[in-house]
């Protein structure tokens, strides 16, 4: 089932790209200030530690690995098919799962759009890299 050749360098680059998307997405000038307002925290209260970034990096690596497997099984990998695979995973799996949490945790639409949007964009970027770099 998993006898696919994987481009490990592409997986690492996709992982790092996902981290870059997150740094930009949650920067104060993009969505960071709005997101902090949604969760009721200030920049001083965030207290991001190196451990948090390490776990985030590990999660992004696992995501890139699984997305690479997914793209490999679909076949005919290209920039466009990778982008579409990332969008399908982002919208079809992640954004819908986040919607369920948003409903039961009473998150606002804005909160859901920021958090789910980040994941959709991140997966689209990862998929583009993985699809194009087979």
Protein backbone atom coordinates (compact mmCIF):
# COMPACT_ATOMS: atom_id res chain seq x y z
CA UNK A 1 0.00 0.00 0.00
CA UNK A 2 2.78 2.48 0.81
CA UNK A 3 5.33 1.36 -1.82
CA UNK A 4 5.72 4.86 -3.22
CA UNK A 5 9.00 6.62 -3.81
CA UNK A 6 9.01 9.81 -1.78
CA UNK A 7 11.09 12.91 -2.32
CA UNK A 8 12.32 13.51 1.23
CA UNK A 9 13.85 16.86 0.35
CA UNK A 10 10.48 18.02 -1.01
CA UNK A 11 8.85 16.84 2.23
CA UNK A 12 11.33 18.86 4.29
CA UNK A 13 10.88 21.94 2.07
CA UNK A 14 7.07 21.57 2.28
CA UNK A 15 7.40 21.34 6.07
CA UNK A 16 9.45 24.53 6.23
CA UNK A 17 7.07 26.25 3.80
CA UNK A 18 4.18 25.37 6.09
CA UNK A 19 6.02 26.98 8.98
CA UNK A 20 6.68 30.08 6.87
CA UNK A 21 2.98 30.31 5.96
CA UNK A 22 2.14 30.17 9.66
CA UNK A 23 4.65 32.87 10.59
CA UNK A 24 3.25 35.19 7.92
CA UNK A 25 -0.42 34.26 8.49
CA UNK A 26 -0.28 34.88 12.22
CA UNK A 27 1.93 37.97 12.06
CA UNK A 28 0.29 41.09 13.53
CA UNK A 29 0.01 42.76 10.13
CA UNK A 30 -1.86 39.87 8.52
CA UNK A 31 -4.22 37.88 10.82
CA UNK A 32 -2.26 37.69 14.08
CA UNK A 33 -3.91 40.66 15.78
CA UNK A 34 -7.40 39.57 14.71
CA UNK A 35 -6.73 35.99 15.83
CA UNK A 36 -5.44 37.13 19.23
CA UNK A 37 -8.54 39.29 19.65
CA UNK A 38 -10.68 36.25 18.82
CA UNK A 39 -9.01 34.11 21.48
CA UNK A 40 -8.92 36.97 23.98
CA UNK A 41 -5.16 37.15 24.39
CA UNK A 42 -2.51 39.79 23.95
CA UNK A 43 0.95 39.31 22.42
CA UNK A 44 2.42 39.36 25.94
CA UNK A 45 0.19 36.47 26.97
CA UNK A 46 1.08 34.23 24.03
CA UNK A 47 4.41 33.07 25.43
CA UNK A 48 5.41 30.87 22.49
CA UNK A 49 8.25 28.62 23.58
CA UNK A 50 10.80 26.78 21.45
CA UNK A 51 9.03 23.54 22.44
CA UNK A 52 5.78 24.79 20.91
CA UNK A 53 7.57 25.49 17.62
CA UNK A 54 9.28 22.10 17.73
CA UNK A 55 5.93 20.31 18.11
CA UNK A 56 4.48 22.48 15.35
CA UNK A 57 7.43 21.58 13.10
CA UNK A 58 6.90 17.88 13.84
CA UNK A 59 3.18 18.16 13.07
CA UNK A 60 3.96 19.96 9.79
CA UNK A 61 6.45 17.22 8.88
CA UNK A 62 3.88 14.47 9.50
CA UNK A 63 1.34 16.44 7.47
CA UNK A 64 3.81 16.84 4.58
CA UNK A 65 4.65 13.14 4.71
CA UNK A 66 1.00 12.05 4.64
CA UNK A 67 0.18 14.56 1.90
CA UNK A 68 3.12 13.22 -0.14
CA UNK A 69 1.71 9.70 0.25
CA UNK A 70 -1.73 10.94 -0.76
CA UNK A 71 -0.37 12.71 -3.85
CA UNK A 72 1.72 9.64 -4.71
CA UNK A 73 -1.32 7.38 -4.59
CA UNK A 74 -3.39 9.71 -6.72
CA UNK A 75 -0.67 9.56 -9.38
CA UNK A 76 0.14 11.97 -12.19
CA UNK A 77 1.81 14.38 -9.76
CA UNK A 78 2.29 17.93 -10.99
CA UNK A 79 2.19 21.43 -9.61
CA UNK A 80 -1.55 21.69 -10.36
CA UNK A 81 -2.48 18.23 -9.07
CA UNK A 82 -0.45 18.89 -5.91
CA UNK A 83 -2.19 22.22 -5.39
CA UNK A 84 -5.58 20.56 -5.89
CA UNK A 85 -4.69 17.73 -3.50
CA UNK A 86 -3.69 20.28 -0.86
CA UNK A 87 -6.89 22.25 -1.37
CA UNK A 88 -9.03 19.10 -1.22
CA UNK A 89 -7.31 18.00 2.00
CA UNK A 90 -7.54 21.50 3.45
CA UNK A 91 -11.16 22.18 2.62
CA UNK A 92 -12.51 18.63 2.69
CA UNK A 93 -10.84 17.37 5.85
CA UNK A 94 -9.35 20.18 7.90
CA UNK A 95 -11.74 23.11 7.41
CA UNK A 96 -14.76 20.88 7.92
CA UNK A 97 -13.25 19.37 11.07
CA UNK A 98 -12.46 22.86 12.35
CA UNK A 99 -16.08 23.81 11.58
CA UNK A 100 -17.31 21.09 13.93
CA UNK A 101 -15.06 22.43 16.69
CA UNK A 102 -16.17 25.97 15.94
CA UNK A 103 -19.81 24.99 16.27
CA UNK A 104 -19.43 23.16 19.58
CA UNK A 105 -16.96 25.65 21.07
CA UNK A 106 -18.96 28.69 19.95
CA UNK A 107 -16.11 30.17 17.91
CA UNK A 108 -17.01 33.08 15.73
CA UNK A 109 -17.05 32.81 11.95
CA UNK A 110 -14.01 35.11 11.92
CA UNK A 111 -12.09 32.77 14.23
CA UNK A 112 -12.95 29.79 12.05
CA UNK A 113 -11.99 31.63 8.85
CA UNK A 114 -8.61 32.59 10.29
CA UNK A 115 -7.69 29.18 11.69
CA UNK A 116 -9.18 27.03 8.93
CA UNK A 117 -7.93 29.43 6.27
CA UNK A 118 -4.40 29.07 7.57
CA UNK A 119 -4.59 25.30 7.26
CA UNK A 120 -6.12 25.39 3.78
CA UNK A 121 -3.44 27.77 2.50
CA UNK A 122 -0.68 25.80 4.23
CA UNK A 123 -1.85 22.51 2.71
CA UNK A 124 -2.21 24.12 -0.72
CA UNK A 125 1.37 25.39 -0.52
CA UNK A 126 2.63 22.03 0.71
CA UNK A 127 0.72 20.17 -1.99
CA UNK A 128 2.07 22.49 -4.68
CA UNK A 129 5.65 21.81 -3.57
CA UNK A 130 5.12 18.07 -3.23
CA UNK A 131 3.27 17.74 -6.53
CA UNK A 132 5.71 19.82 -8.53
CA UNK A 133 8.82 18.26 -7.01
CA UNK A 134 8.24 14.53 -7.64
